[in-house]
Protein backbone atom coordinates (compact mmCIF):
# COMPACT_ATOMS: atom_id res chain seq x y z
CA MET A 1 0.00 0.00 0.00
CA ILE A 2 2.82 2.42 0.88
CA ASN A 3 4.43 1.85 -2.53
CA MET A 4 1.14 2.65 -4.22
CA ILE A 5 0.75 5.92 -2.29
CA GLN A 6 4.34 6.90 -3.10
CA TYR A 7 3.67 6.18 -6.78
CA LEU A 8 0.54 8.34 -6.68
CA GLU A 9 2.51 11.16 -5.04
CA GLN A 10 4.97 11.02 -7.94
CA ASN A 11 2.17 10.84 -10.52
CA PRO A 12 -0.53 13.36 -9.54
CA SER A 13 -2.22 13.03 -12.93
CA LEU A 14 -3.17 9.48 -11.95
CA VAL A 15 -4.84 10.81 -8.79
CA THR A 16 -6.96 13.04 -11.04
CA LEU A 17 -7.92 10.08 -13.21
CA LEU A 18 -8.88 8.08 -10.12
CA LYS A 19 -11.06 10.92 -8.85
CA GLU A 20 -12.76 11.16 -12.25
CA LYS A 21 -13.28 7.35 -12.17
CA LYS A 22 -11.30 6.99 -15.40
CA ALA A 23 -8.82 4.67 -13.67
CA SER A 24 -8.90 2.24 -10.77
CA LEU A 25 -6.48 0.56 -8.43
CA ILE A 26 -6.44 -3.21 -8.91
CA GLY A 27 -6.50 -5.14 -5.66
CA VAL A 28 -7.77 -2.17 -3.66
CA THR A 29 -11.31 -2.08 -2.35
CA GLU A 30 -13.57 0.87 -3.12
CA LEU A 31 -13.37 1.94 0.53
CA GLU A 32 -9.56 1.79 0.53
CA GLN A 33 -9.42 3.76 -2.72
CA LYS A 34 -11.73 6.42 -1.25
CA ALA A 35 -9.51 6.68 1.83
CA ILE A 36 -6.41 7.08 -0.34
CA LEU A 37 -8.04 9.79 -2.47
CA ASP A 38 -9.40 11.56 0.62
CA SER A 39 -5.90 11.65 2.08
CA PHE A 40 -4.66 13.46 -1.04
CA ASP A 41 -7.47 16.03 -0.64
CA GLU A 42 -6.60 16.53 3.03
CA GLU A 43 -2.93 16.93 2.19
CA LEU A 44 -3.75 19.69 -0.30
CA ASN A 45 -6.02 21.45 2.20
CA VAL A 46 -3.32 21.40 4.88
CA GLU A 47 -0.77 22.83 2.47
CA ASN A 48 -3.17 25.59 1.41
CA ARG A 49 -3.89 26.55 5.03
CA LEU A 50 -0.18 26.90 5.77
CA TRP A 51 0.19 29.52 3.07
CA ASN A 52 -2.90 31.56 3.97
């Protein structure tokens, strides 16, 4: 799982495709995929708050 998250961090365009449901993660449940995508949203929100 950690390798997958690191790969997504290096390939943000894939995160976009996952959010648009144009791609999926094989071997990951829908709930796990939602949690992964939510963590990317939270990470962006935290970064934005630091700069405001």
